[in-house]
């Protein structure tokens, strides 16, 4: 899970781990990109709006490096995104979007689809 809000990553990861789903927290976009490049994850929850290095930056870098489609990246954001942008990002390899606020049960359900 890549999100600059530490409280959110801690809460979501705590709940996921209580459901026997392993979760790694990353609160920095550049660190998140490096982890994606070097590790394999079943699902990556990616916040779009982060300071310094955003989820959009990560998306664009992964797209340029041809790493987007081989990762199960779910956008996890409270930001407004127009439907055409969502459609385009899905066509380019994003697997879906979860809009905050969301119940942790819904997060688990979506993650389970990719296990």
PDB file of N, CA and C in Angstrom:
ATOM      1  N   UNK A   1       0.841  -1.172   0.000  1.00  0.00           N
ATOM      2  CA  UNK A   1       0.000   0.000   0.000  1.00  0.00           C
ATOM      3  C   UNK A   1       0.885   1.234   0.000  1.00  0.00           C
ATOM      4  N   UNK A   2       0.672   2.093  -0.977  1.00  0.00           N
ATOM      5  CA  UNK A   2       1.460   3.319  -1.102  1.00  0.00           C
ATOM      6  C   UNK A   2       0.521   4.499  -0.901  1.00  0.00           C
ATOM      7  N   UNK A   3       0.693   5.186   0.219  1.00  0.00           N
ATOM      8  CA  UNK A   3      -0.148   6.322   0.570  1.00  0.00           C
ATOM      9  C   UNK A   3       0.642   7.186   1.540  1.00  0.00           C
ATOM     10  N   UNK A   4       0.640   8.491   1.328  1.00  0.00           N
ATOM     11  CA  UNK A   4       1.401   9.376   2.207  1.00  0.00           C
ATOM     12  C   UNK A   4       0.770   9.520   3.591  1.00  0.00           C
ATOM     13  N   UNK A   5      -0.478   9.126   3.745  1.00  0.00           N
ATOM     14  CA  UNK A   5      -1.159   9.238   5.035  1.00  0.00           C
ATOM     15  C   UNK A   5      -0.868   7.993   5.879  1.00  0.00           C
ATOM     16  N   UNK A   6       0.061   8.152   6.814  1.00  0.00           N
ATOM     17  CA  UNK A   6       0.503   7.025   7.640  1.00  0.00           C
ATOM     18  C   UNK A   6      -0.643   6.421   8.445  1.00  0.00           C
ATOM     19  N   UNK A   7      -1.558   7.253   8.915  1.00  0.00           N
ATOM     20  CA  UNK A   7      -2.697   6.732   9.686  1.00  0.00           C
ATOM     21  C   UNK A   7      -3.541   5.776   8.837  1.00  0.00           C
ATOM     22  N   UNK A   8      -3.740   6.121   7.579  1.00  0.00           N
ATOM     23  CA  UNK A   8      -4.535   5.256   6.694  1.00  0.00           C
ATOM     24  C   UNK A   8      -3.800   3.953   6.428  1.00  0.00           C
ATOM     25  N   UNK A   9      -2.502   4.033   6.093  1.00  0.00           N
ATOM     26  CA  UNK A   9      -1.774   2.794   5.795  1.00  0.00           C
ATOM     27  C   UNK A   9      -1.709   1.893   7.016  1.00  0.00           C
ATOM     28  N   UNK A  10      -1.502   2.479   8.190  1.00  0.00           N
ATOM     29  CA  UNK A  10      -1.457   1.660   9.410  1.00  0.00           C
ATOM     30  C   UNK A  10      -2.795   0.988   9.671  1.00  0.00           C
ATOM     31  N   UNK A  11      -3.885   1.742   9.541  1.00  0.00           N
ATOM     32  CA  UNK A  11      -5.209   1.193   9.811  1.00  0.00           C
ATOM     33  C   UNK A  11      -5.567   0.086   8.818  1.00  0.00           C
ATOM     34  N   UNK A  12      -5.371   0.362   7.526  1.00  0.00           N
ATOM     35  CA  UNK A  12      -5.728  -0.622   6.509  1.00  0.00           C
ATOM     36  C   UNK A  12      -4.861  -1.866   6.647  1.00  0.00           C
ATOM     37  N   UNK A  13      -3.551  -1.690   6.826  1.00  0.00           N
ATOM     38  CA  UNK A  13      -2.667  -2.854   6.961  1.00  0.00           C
ATOM     39  C   UNK A  13      -2.985  -3.648   8.227  1.00  0.00           C
ATOM     40  N   UNK A  14      -3.304  -2.967   9.306  1.00  0.00           N
ATOM     41  CA  UNK A  14      -3.675  -3.670  10.537  1.00  0.00           C
ATOM     42  C   UNK A  14      -4.893  -4.556  10.282  1.00  0.00           C
ATOM     43  N   UNK A  15      -5.892  -3.999   9.615  1.00  0.00           N
ATOM     44  CA  UNK A  15      -7.093  -4.777   9.342  1.00  0.00           C
ATOM     45  C   UNK A  15      -6.802  -5.921   8.381  1.00  0.00           C
ATOM     46  N   UNK A  16      -6.058  -5.649   7.308  1.00  0.00           N
ATOM     47  CA  UNK A  16      -5.750  -6.707   6.338  1.00  0.00           C
ATOM     48  C   UNK A  16      -5.001  -7.854   7.002  1.00  0.00           C
ATOM     49  N   UNK A  17      -4.035  -7.521   7.841  1.00  0.00           N
ATOM     50  CA  UNK A  17      -3.272  -8.568   8.511  1.00  0.00           C
ATOM     51  C   UNK A  17      -4.149  -9.356   9.482  1.00  0.00           C
ATOM     52  N   UNK A  18      -5.169  -8.710  10.054  1.00  0.00           N
ATOM     53  CA  UNK A  18      -6.102  -9.442  10.918  1.00  0.00           C
ATOM     54  C   UNK A  18      -6.946 -10.432  10.107  1.00  0.00           C
ATOM     55  N   UNK A  19      -6.971 -10.233   8.783  1.00  0.00           N
ATOM     56  CA  UNK A  19      -7.689 -11.130   7.872  1.00  0.00           C
ATOM     57  C   UNK A  19      -6.720 -12.088   7.163  1.00  0.00           C
ATOM     58  N   UNK A  20      -5.509 -12.198   7.708  1.00  0.00           N
ATOM     59  CA  UNK A  20      -4.452 -13.057   7.141  1.00  0.00           C
ATOM     60  C   UNK A  20      -4.034 -12.644   5.732  1.00  0.00           C
ATOM     61  N   UNK A  21      -4.046 -11.341   5.484  1.00  0.00           N
ATOM     62  CA  UNK A  21      -3.557 -10.787   4.221  1.00  0.00           C
ATOM     63  C   UNK A  21      -2.320  -9.960   4.549  1.00  0.00           C
ATOM     64  N   UNK A  22      -1.189 -10.367   4.018  1.00  0.00           N
ATOM     65  CA  UNK A  22       0.062  -9.649   4.252  1.00  0.00           C
ATOM     66  C   UNK A  22      -0.026  -8.253   3.644  1.00  0.00           C
ATOM     67  N   UNK A  23       0.503  -7.266   4.358  1.00  0.00           N
ATOM     68  CA  UNK A  23       0.428  -5.883   3.891  1.00  0.00           C
ATOM     69  C   UNK A  23       1.727  -5.165   4.227  1.00  0.00           C
ATOM     70  N   UNK A  24       2.252  -4.450   3.252  1.00  0.00           N
ATOM     71  CA  UNK A  24       3.441  -3.618   3.445  1.00  0.00           C
ATOM     72  C   UNK A  24       3.013  -2.166   3.288  1.00  0.00           C
ATOM     73  N   UNK A  25       3.493  -1.322   4.195  1.00  0.00           N
ATOM     74  CA  UNK A  25       3.167   0.102   4.156  1.00  0.00           C
ATOM     75  C   UNK A  25       4.324   0.888   3.569  1.00  0.00           C
ATOM     76  N   UNK A  26       4.007   1.780   2.642  1.00  0.00           N
ATOM     77  CA  UNK A  26       4.992   2.721   2.119  1.00  0.00           C
ATOM     78  C   UNK A  26       4.323   4.089   2.108  1.00  0.00           C
ATOM     79  N   UNK A  27       4.979   5.075   2.729  1.00  0.00           N
ATOM     80  CA  UNK A  27       4.382   6.401   2.851  1.00  0.00           C
ATOM     81  C   UNK A  27       5.090   7.453   1.997  1.00  0.00           C
ATOM     82  N   UNK A  28       5.827   6.999   0.994  1.00  0.00           N
ATOM     83  CA  UNK A  28       6.586   7.900   0.136  1.00  0.00           C
ATOM     84  C   UNK A  28       6.529   7.369  -1.300  1.00  0.00           C
ATOM     85  N   UNK A  29       6.198   8.233  -2.238  1.00  0.00           N
ATOM     86  CA  UNK A  29       6.032   7.809  -3.620  1.00  0.00           C
ATOM     87  C   UNK A  29       7.282   7.216  -4.250  1.00  0.00           C
ATOM     88  N   UNK A  30       8.426   7.854  -4.054  1.00  0.00           N
ATOM     89  CA  UNK A  30       9.670   7.344  -4.661  1.00  0.00           C
ATOM     90  C   UNK A  30      10.053   5.987  -4.081  1.00  0.00           C
ATOM     91  N   UNK A  31       9.888   5.837  -2.771  1.00  0.00           N
ATOM     92  CA  UNK A  31      10.161   4.534  -2.156  1.00  0.00           C
ATOM     93  C   UNK A  31       9.185   3.486  -2.697  1.00  0.00           C
ATOM     94  N   UNK A  32       7.936   3.883  -2.866  1.00  0.00           N
ATOM     95  CA  UNK A  32       6.939   2.964  -3.412  1.00  0.00           C
ATOM     96  C   UNK A  32       7.303   2.485  -4.803  1.00  0.00           C
ATOM     97  N   UNK A  33       7.770   3.397  -5.645  1.00  0.00           N
ATOM     98  CA  UNK A  33       8.181   3.028  -7.000  1.00  0.00           C
ATOM     99  C   UNK A  33       9.332   2.027  -6.956  1.00  0.00           C
ATOM    100  N   UNK A  34      10.313   2.267  -6.105  1.00  0.00           N
ATOM    101  CA  UNK A  34      11.447   1.338  -5.983  1.00  0.00           C
ATOM    102  C   UNK A  34      10.991  -0.039  -5.514  1.00  0.00           C
ATOM    103  N   UNK A  35      10.062  -0.059  -4.571  1.00  0.00           N
ATOM    104  CA  UNK A  35       9.552  -1.351  -4.084  1.00  0.00           C
ATOM    105  C   UNK A  35       8.838  -2.104  -5.203  1.00  0.00           C
ATOM    106  N   UNK A  36       8.060  -1.394  -6.011  1.00  0.00           N
ATOM    107  CA  UNK A  36       7.367  -2.040  -7.132  1.00  0.00           C
ATOM    108  C   UNK A  36       8.383  -2.595  -8.126  1.00  0.00           C
ATOM    109  N   UNK A  37       9.427  -1.835  -8.382  1.00  0.00           N
ATOM    110  CA  UNK A  37      10.459  -2.287  -9.329  1.00  0.00           C
ATOM    111  C   UNK A  37      11.180  -3.543  -8.836  1.00  0.00           C
ATOM    112  N   UNK A  38      11.366  -3.653  -7.522  1.00  0.00           N
ATOM    113  CA  UNK A  38      12.250  -4.686  -6.970  1.00  0.00           C
ATOM    114  C   UNK A  38      11.560  -5.832  -6.250  1.00  0.00           C
ATOM    115  N   UNK A  39      10.262  -5.725  -6.013  1.00  0.00           N
ATOM    116  CA  UNK A  39       9.549  -6.763  -5.275  1.00  0.00           C
ATOM    117  C   UNK A  39       8.296  -7.160  -6.047  1.00  0.00           C
ATOM    118  N   UNK A  40       7.742  -8.295  -5.694  1.00  0.00           N
ATOM    119  CA  UNK A  40       6.497  -8.765  -6.315  1.00  0.00           C
ATOM    120  C   UNK A  40       5.385  -8.725  -5.275  1.00  0.00           C
ATOM    121  N   UNK A  41       4.278  -8.115  -5.629  1.00  0.00           N
ATOM    122  CA  UNK A  41       3.118  -8.006  -4.752  1.00  0.00           C
ATOM    123  C   UNK A  41       1.893  -8.548  -5.480  1.00  0.00           C
ATOM    124  N   UNK A  42       0.973  -9.158  -4.734  1.00  0.00           N
ATOM    125  CA  UNK A  42      -0.283  -9.617  -5.341  1.00  0.00           C
ATOM    126  C   UNK A  42      -1.108  -8.432  -5.827  1.00  0.00           C
ATOM    127  N   UNK A  43      -1.190  -7.392  -4.984  1.00  0.00           N
ATOM    128  CA  UNK A  43      -1.974  -6.196  -5.279  1.00  0.00           C
ATOM    129  C   UNK A  43      -1.245  -4.995  -4.697  1.00  0.00           C
ATOM    130  N   UNK A  44      -1.302  -3.877  -5.407  1.00  0.00           N
ATOM    131  CA  UNK A  44      -0.730  -2.628  -4.908  1.00  0.00           C
ATOM    132  C   UNK A  44      -1.851  -1.603  -4.857  1.00  0.00           C
ATOM    133  N   UNK A  45      -2.127  -1.092  -3.658  1.00  0.00           N
ATOM    134  CA  UNK A  45      -3.081   0.006  -3.501  1.00  0.00           C
ATOM    135  C   UNK A  45      -2.282   1.294  -3.601  1.00  0.00           C
ATOM    136  N   UNK A  46      -2.605   2.140  -4.560  1.00  0.00           N
ATOM    137  CA  UNK A  46      -1.810   3.329  -4.860  1.00  0.00           C
ATOM    138  C   UNK A  46      -2.639   4.597  -4.739  1.00  0.00           C
ATOM    139  N   UNK A  47      -2.243   5.449  -3.794  1.00  0.00           N
ATOM    140  CA  UNK A  47      -2.858   6.769  -3.668  1.00  0.00           C
ATOM    141  C   UNK A  47      -2.335   7.647  -4.800  1.00  0.00           C
ATOM    142  N   UNK A  48      -3.181   8.474  -5.359  1.00  0.00           N
ATOM    143  CA  UNK A  48      -2.751   9.344  -6.450  1.00  0.00           C
ATOM    144  C   UNK A  48      -2.146  10.652  -5.968  1.00  0.00           C
ATOM    145  N   UNK A  49      -2.710  11.218  -4.906  1.00  0.00           N
ATOM    146  CA  UNK A  49      -2.292  12.538  -4.468  1.00  0.00           C
ATOM    147  C   UNK A  49      -1.358  12.428  -3.275  1.00  0.00           C
ATOM    148  N   UNK A  50      -0.058  12.556  -3.563  1.00  0.00           N
ATOM    149  CA  UNK A  50       0.972  12.523  -2.522  1.00  0.00           C
ATOM    150  C   UNK A  50       1.949  13.656  -2.811  1.00  0.00           C
ATOM    151  N   UNK A  51       2.544  14.229  -1.767  1.00  0.00           N
ATOM    152  CA  UNK A  51       3.513  15.302  -1.998  1.00  0.00           C
ATOM    153  C   UNK A  51       4.798  14.754  -2.614  1.00  0.00           C
ATOM    154  N   UNK A  52       5.517  15.594  -3.290  1.00  0.00           N
ATOM    155  CA  UNK A  52       6.826  15.295  -3.877  1.00  0.00           C
ATOM    156  C   UNK A  52       6.753  14.336  -5.055  1.00  0.00           C
ATOM    157  N   UNK A  53       6.205  13.148  -4.867  1.00  0.00           N
ATOM    158  CA  UNK A  53       6.167  12.147  -5.934  1.00  0.00           C
ATOM    159  C   UNK A  53       4.823  11.439  -5.851  1.00  0.00           C
ATOM    160  N   UNK A  54       3.938  11.775  -6.767  1.00  0.00           N
ATOM    161  CA  UNK A  54       2.540  11.343  -6.670  1.00  0.00           C
ATOM    162  C   UNK A  54       2.305   9.969  -7.286  1.00  0.00           C
ATOM    163  N   UNK A  55       1.111   9.467  -7.077  1.00  0.00           N
ATOM    164  CA  UNK A  55       0.702   8.233  -7.722  1.00  0.00           C
ATOM    165  C   UNK A  55       0.673   8.376  -9.238  1.00  0.00           C
ATOM    166  N   UNK A  56       0.384   9.587  -9.720  1.00  0.00           N
ATOM    167  CA  UNK A  56       0.446   9.836 -11.163  1.00  0.00           C
ATOM    168  C   UNK A  56       1.880   9.668 -11.667  1.00  0.00           C
ATOM    169  N   UNK A  57       2.858  10.164 -10.884  1.00  0.00           N
ATOM    170  CA  UNK A  57       4.267  10.003 -11.261  1.00  0.00           C
ATOM    171  C   UNK A  57       4.638   8.525 -11.318  1.00  0.00           C
ATOM    172  N   UNK A  58       4.201   7.779 -10.310  1.00  0.00           N
ATOM    173  CA  UNK A  58       4.478   6.334 -10.272  1.00  0.00           C
ATOM    174  C   UNK A  58       3.838   5.660 -11.485  1.00  0.00           C
ATOM    175  N   UNK A  59       2.581   5.982 -11.748  1.00  0.00           N
ATOM    176  CA  UNK A  59       1.867   5.431 -12.904  1.00  0.00           C
ATOM    177  C   UNK A  59       2.647   5.683 -14.192  1.00  0.00           C
ATOM    178  N   UNK A  60       3.056   6.931 -14.412  1.00  0.00           N
ATOM    179  CA  UNK A  60       3.764   7.285 -15.646  1.00  0.00           C
ATOM    180  C   UNK A  60       5.110   6.581 -15.754  1.00  0.00           C
ATOM    181  N   UNK A  61       5.849   6.483 -14.652  1.00  0.00           N
ATOM    182  CA  UNK A  61       7.140   5.784 -14.679  1.00  0.00           C
ATOM    183  C   UNK A  61       6.957   4.303 -14.989  1.00  0.00           C
ATOM    184  N   UNK A  62       5.994   3.672 -14.342  1.00  0.00           N
ATOM    185  CA  UNK A  62       5.750   2.247 -14.594  1.00  0.00           C
ATOM    186  C   UNK A  62       5.314   2.014 -16.038  1.00  0.00           C
ATOM    187  N   UNK A  63       4.536   2.933 -16.558  1.00  0.00           N
ATOM    188  CA  UNK A  63       4.097   2.825 -17.953  1.00  0.00           C
ATOM    189  C   UNK A  63       5.304   2.917 -18.892  1.00  0.00           C
ATOM    190  N   UNK A  64       6.184   3.877 -18.663  1.00  0.00           N
ATOM    191  CA  UNK A  64       7.377   4.040 -19.504  1.00  0.00           C
ATOM    192  C   UNK A  64       8.304   2.832 -19.411  1.00  0.00           C
ATOM    193  N   UNK A  65       8.355   2.197 -18.246  1.00  0.00           N
ATOM    194  CA  UNK A  65       9.244   1.057 -18.028  1.00  0.00           C
ATOM    195  C   UNK A  65       8.574  -0.281 -18.361  1.00  0.00           C
ATOM    196  N   UNK A  66       7.369  -0.220 -18.917  1.00  0.00           N
ATOM    197  CA  UNK A  66       6.596  -1.426 -19.252  1.00  0.00           C
ATOM    198  C   UNK A  66       6.376  -2.331 -18.042  1.00  0.00           C
ATOM    199  N   UNK A  67       6.173  -1.732 -16.890  1.00  0.00           N
ATOM    200  CA  UNK A  67       5.920  -2.490 -15.662  1.00  0.00           C
ATOM    201  C   UNK A  67       4.483  -2.357 -15.187  1.00  0.00           C
ATOM    202  N   UNK A  68       3.693  -1.572 -15.880  1.00  0.00           N
ATOM    203  CA  UNK A  68       2.335  -1.283 -15.417  1.00  0.00           C
ATOM    204  C   UNK A  68       1.423  -2.497 -15.517  1.00  0.00           C
ATOM    205  N   UNK A  69       1.402  -3.142 -16.662  1.00  0.00           N
ATOM    206  CA  UNK A  69       0.445  -4.232 -16.880  1.00  0.00           C
ATOM    207  C   UNK A  69       0.792  -5.498 -16.114  1.00  0.00           C
ATOM    208  N   UNK A  70       2.048  -5.667 -15.706  1.00  0.00           N
ATOM    209  CA  UNK A  70       2.408  -6.887 -14.987  1.00  0.00           C
ATOM    210  C   UNK A  70       2.193  -6.766 -13.481  1.00  0.00           C
ATOM    211  N   UNK A  71       1.710  -5.621 -13.016  1.00  0.00           N
ATOM    212  CA  UNK A  71       1.392  -5.424 -11.604  1.00  0.00           C
ATOM    213  C   UNK A  71      -0.105  -5.183 -11.449  1.00  0.00           C
ATOM    214  N   UNK A  72      -0.671  -5.696 -10.370  1.00  0.00           N
ATOM    215  CA  UNK A  72      -2.091  -5.479 -10.077  1.00  0.00           C
ATOM    216  C   UNK A  72      -2.218  -4.214  -9.238  1.00  0.00           C
ATOM    217  N   UNK A  73      -2.288  -3.082  -9.931  1.00  0.00           N
ATOM    218  CA  UNK A  73      -2.347  -1.795  -9.241  1.00  0.00           C
ATOM    219  C   UNK A  73      -3.791  -1.312  -9.207  1.00  0.00           C
ATOM    220  N   UNK A  74      -4.239  -1.032  -7.991  1.00  0.00           N
ATOM    221  CA  UNK A  74      -5.569  -0.475  -7.755  1.00  0.00           C
ATOM    222  C   UNK A  74      -5.372   0.941  -7.229  1.00  0.00           C
ATOM    223  N   UNK A  75      -5.955   1.910  -7.910  1.00  0.00           N
ATOM    224  CA  UNK A  75      -5.894   3.275  -7.405  1.00  0.00           C
ATOM    225  C   UNK A  75      -6.736   3.347  -6.142  1.00  0.00           C
ATOM    226  N   UNK A  76      -6.205   4.014  -5.128  1.00  0.00           N
ATOM    227  CA  UNK A  76      -6.853   4.115  -3.823  1.00  0.00           C
ATOM    228  C   UNK A  76      -6.800   5.582  -3.447  1.00  0.00           C
ATOM    229  N   UNK A  77      -7.871   6.315  -3.732  1.00  0.00           N
ATOM    230  CA  UNK A  77      -7.751   7.761  -3.641  1.00  0.00           C
ATOM    231  C   UNK A  77      -9.057   8.448  -3.260  1.00  0.00           C
ATOM    232  N   UNK A  78      -8.908   9.613  -2.653  1.00  0.00           N
ATOM    233  CA  UNK A  78     -10.048  10.475  -2.366  1.00  0.00           C
ATOM    234  C   UNK A  78     -10.152  11.575  -3.421  1.00  0.00           C
ATOM    235  N   UNK A  79      -9.172  11.632  -4.313  1.00  0.00           N
ATOM    236  CA  UNK A  79      -9.140  12.662  -5.353  1.00  0.00           C
ATOM    237  C   UNK A  79     -10.236  12.428  -6.383  1.00  0.00           C
ATOM    238  N   UNK A  80     -10.731  13.515  -6.932  1.00  0.00           N
ATOM    239  CA  UNK A  80     -11.710  13.416  -8.012  1.00  0.00           C
ATOM    240  C   UNK A  80     -10.970  13.060  -9.297  1.00  0.00           C
ATOM    241  N   UNK A  81     -11.472  12.076 -10.001  1.00  0.00           N
ATOM    242  CA  UNK A  81     -10.903  11.681 -11.287  1.00  0.00           C
ATOM    243  C   UNK A  81     -12.057  11.560 -12.271  1.00  0.00           C
ATOM    244  N   UNK A  82     -11.916  12.186 -13.425  1.00  0.00           N
ATOM    245  CA  UNK A  82     -12.983  12.096 -14.431  1.00  0.00           C
ATOM    246  C   UNK A  82     -13.012  10.686 -15.014  1.00  0.00           C
ATOM    247  N   UNK A  83     -14.194  10.262 -15.403  1.00  0.00           N
ATOM    248  CA  UNK A  83     -14.383   8.897 -15.904  1.00  0.00           C
ATOM    249  C   UNK A  83     -13.477   8.567 -17.089  1.00  0.00           C
ATOM    250  N   UNK A  84     -13.265   9.539 -17.980  1.00  0.00           N
ATOM    251  CA  UNK A  84     -12.400   9.281 -19.137  1.00  0.00           C
ATOM    252  C   UNK A  84     -10.966   8.979 -18.710  1.00  0.00           C
ATOM    253  N   UNK A  85     -10.490   9.673 -17.667  1.00  0.00           N
ATOM    254  CA  UNK A  85      -9.132   9.409 -17.166  1.00  0.00           C
ATOM    255  C   UNK A  85      -9.044   8.020 -16.544  1.00  0.00           C
ATOM    256  N   UNK A  86     -10.076   7.634 -15.807  1.00  0.00           N
ATOM    257  CA  UNK A  86     -10.101   6.290 -15.213  1.00  0.00           C
ATOM    258  C   UNK A  86     -10.077   5.243 -16.324  1.00  0.00           C
ATOM    259  N   UNK A  87     -10.915   5.436 -17.328  1.00  0.00           N
ATOM    260  CA  UNK A  87     -10.975   4.485 -18.448  1.00  0.00           C
ATOM    261  C   UNK A  87      -9.612   4.371 -19.128  1.00  0.00           C
ATOM    262  N   UNK A  88      -8.967   5.506 -19.366  1.00  0.00           N
ATOM    263  CA  UNK A  88      -7.659   5.505 -20.025  1.00  0.00           C
ATOM    264  C   UNK A  88      -6.619   4.779 -19.171  1.00  0.00           C
ATOM    265  N   UNK A  89      -6.618   5.041 -17.868  1.00  0.00           N
ATOM    266  CA  UNK A  89      -5.644   4.395 -16.982  1.00  0.00           C
ATOM    267  C   UNK A  89      -5.878   2.880 -16.918  1.00  0.00           C
ATOM    268  N   UNK A  90      -7.124   2.467 -16.943  1.00  0.00           N
ATOM    269  CA  UNK A  90      -7.430   1.029 -16.949  1.00  0.00           C
ATOM    270  C   UNK A  90      -6.967   0.405 -18.267  1.00  0.00           C
ATOM    271  N   UNK A  91      -7.202   1.089 -19.376  1.00  0.00           N
ATOM    272  CA  UNK A  91      -6.726   0.584 -20.669  1.00  0.00           C
ATOM    273  C   UNK A  91      -5.204   0.440 -20.683  1.00  0.00           C
ATOM    274  N   UNK A  92      -4.509   1.295 -19.931  1.00  0.00           N
ATOM    275  CA  UNK A  92      -3.047   1.267 -19.907  1.00  0.00           C
ATOM    276  C   UNK A  92      -2.494   0.304 -18.864  1.00  0.00           C
ATOM    277  N   UNK A  93      -3.374  -0.282 -18.031  1.00  0.00           N
ATOM    278  CA  UNK A  93      -2.880  -1.313 -17.128  1.00  0.00           C
ATOM    279  C   UNK A  93      -3.321  -1.258 -15.683  1.00  0.00           C
ATOM    280  N   UNK A  94      -3.924  -0.144 -15.244  1.00  0.00           N
ATOM    281  CA  UNK A  94      -4.445  -0.100 -13.877  1.00  0.00           C
ATOM    282  C   UNK A  94      -5.601  -1.098 -13.798  1.00  0.00           C
ATOM    283  N   UNK A  95      -5.683  -1.822 -12.694  1.00  0.00           N
ATOM    284  CA  UNK A  95      -6.698  -2.876 -12.583  1.00  0.00           C
ATOM    285  C   UNK A  95      -8.029  -2.392 -12.022  1.00  0.00           C
ATOM    286  N   UNK A  96      -8.057  -1.202 -11.414  1.00  0.00           N
ATOM    287  CA  UNK A  96      -9.306  -0.691 -10.875  1.00  0.00           C
ATOM    288  C   UNK A  96      -9.075   0.515  -9.997  1.00  0.00           C
ATOM    289  N   UNK A  97     -10.148   0.971  -9.387  1.00  0.00           N
ATOM    290  CA  UNK A  97     -10.068   2.136  -8.511  1.00  0.00           C
ATOM    291  C   UNK A  97     -10.952   1.917  -7.296  1.00  0.00           C
ATOM    292  N   UNK A  98     -10.449   2.318  -6.148  1.00  0.00           N
ATOM    293  CA  UNK A  98     -11.217   2.344  -4.908  1.00  0.00           C
ATOM    294  C   UNK A  98     -11.240   3.801  -4.471  1.00  0.00           C
ATOM    295  N   UNK A  99     -12.436   4.346  -4.332  1.00  0.00           N
ATOM    296  CA  UNK A  99     -12.544   5.736  -3.899  1.00  0.00           C
ATOM    297  C   UNK A  99     -12.736   5.794  -2.392  1.00  0.00           C
ATOM    298  N   UNK A 100     -11.909   6.609  -1.739  1.00  0.00           N
ATOM    299  CA  UNK A 100     -12.033   6.831  -0.301  1.00  0.00           C
ATOM    300  C   UNK A 100     -13.196   7.792  -0.075  1.00  0.00           C
ATOM    301  N   UNK A 101     -13.911   7.683   0.997  1.00  0.00           N
ATOM    302  CA  UNK A 101     -13.778   6.646   2.030  1.00  0.00           C
ATOM    303  C   UNK A 101     -14.385   5.331   1.544  1.00  0.00           C
ATOM    304  N   UNK A 102     -13.866   4.239   2.078  1.00  0.00           N
ATOM    305  CA  UNK A 102     -14.321   2.905   1.698  1.00  0.00           C
ATOM    306  C   UNK A 102     -14.251   2.017   2.930  1.00  0.00           C
ATOM    307  N   UNK A 103     -15.080   1.016   2.976  1.00  0.00           N
ATOM    308  CA  UNK A 103     -15.016   0.092   4.110  1.00  0.00           C
ATOM    309  C   UNK A 103     -13.854  -0.868   3.904  1.00  0.00           C
ATOM    310  N   UNK A 104     -13.252  -1.297   4.986  1.00  0.00           N
ATOM    311  CA  UNK A 104     -12.146  -2.247   4.883  1.00  0.00           C
ATOM    312  C   UNK A 104     -12.641  -3.582   4.333  1.00  0.00           C
ATOM    313  N   UNK A 105     -13.897  -3.913   4.554  1.00  0.00           N
ATOM    314  CA  UNK A 105     -14.453  -5.143   3.978  1.00  0.00           C
ATOM    315  C   UNK A 105     -14.434  -5.088   2.449  1.00  0.00           C
ATOM    316  N   UNK A 106     -14.730  -3.914   1.886  1.00  0.00           N
ATOM    317  CA  UNK A 106     -14.677  -3.761   0.431  1.00  0.00           C
ATOM    318  C   UNK A 106     -13.243  -3.890  -0.080  1.00  0.00           C
ATOM    319  N   UNK A 107     -12.284  -3.363   0.674  1.00  0.00           N
ATOM    320  CA  UNK A 107     -10.877  -3.495   0.288  1.00  0.00           C
ATOM    321  C   UNK A 107     -10.489  -4.967   0.265  1.00  0.00           C
ATOM    322  N   UNK A 108     -10.870  -5.703   1.289  1.00  0.00           N
ATOM    323  CA  UNK A 108     -10.557  -7.138   1.354  1.00  0.00           C
ATOM    324  C   UNK A 108     -11.181  -7.860   0.166  1.00  0.00           C
ATOM    325  N   UNK A 109     -12.422  -7.573  -0.134  1.00  0.00           N
ATOM    326  CA  UNK A 109     -13.111  -8.221  -1.255  1.00  0.00           C
ATOM    327  C   UNK A 109     -12.366  -7.985  -2.567  1.00  0.00           C
ATOM    328  N   UNK A 110     -11.928  -6.773  -2.796  1.00  0.00           N
ATOM    329  CA  UNK A 110     -11.213  -6.450  -4.035  1.00  0.00           C
ATOM    330  C   UNK A 110      -9.853  -7.140  -4.077  1.00  0.00           C
ATOM    331  N   UNK A 111      -9.134  -7.135  -2.970  1.00  0.00           N
ATOM    332  CA  UNK A 111      -7.824  -7.794  -2.915  1.00  0.00           C
ATOM    333  C   UNK A 111      -7.968  -9.287  -3.165  1.00  0.00           C
ATOM    334  N   UNK A 112      -8.992  -9.891  -2.595  1.00  0.00           N
ATOM    335  CA  UNK A 112      -9.210 -11.334  -2.756  1.00  0.00           C
ATOM    336  C   UNK A 112      -9.386 -11.722  -4.225  1.00  0.00           C
ATOM    337  N   UNK A 113      -9.890 -10.808  -5.047  1.00  0.00           N
ATOM    338  CA  UNK A 113     -10.066 -11.088  -6.472  1.00  0.00           C
ATOM    339  C   UNK A 113      -8.733 -11.342  -7.177  1.00  0.00           C
ATOM    340  N   UNK A 114      -7.634 -10.825  -6.617  1.00  0.00           N
ATOM    341  CA  UNK A 114      -6.330 -10.929  -7.268  1.00  0.00           C
ATOM    342  C   UNK A 114      -5.415 -11.959  -6.635  1.00  0.00           C
ATOM    343  N   UNK A 115      -5.873 -12.636  -5.593  1.00  0.00           N
ATOM    344  CA  UNK A 115      -5.022 -13.624  -4.915  1.00  0.00           C
ATOM    345  C   UNK A 115      -5.011 -14.935  -5.659  1.00  0.00           C
TER     346      UNK A 115
END
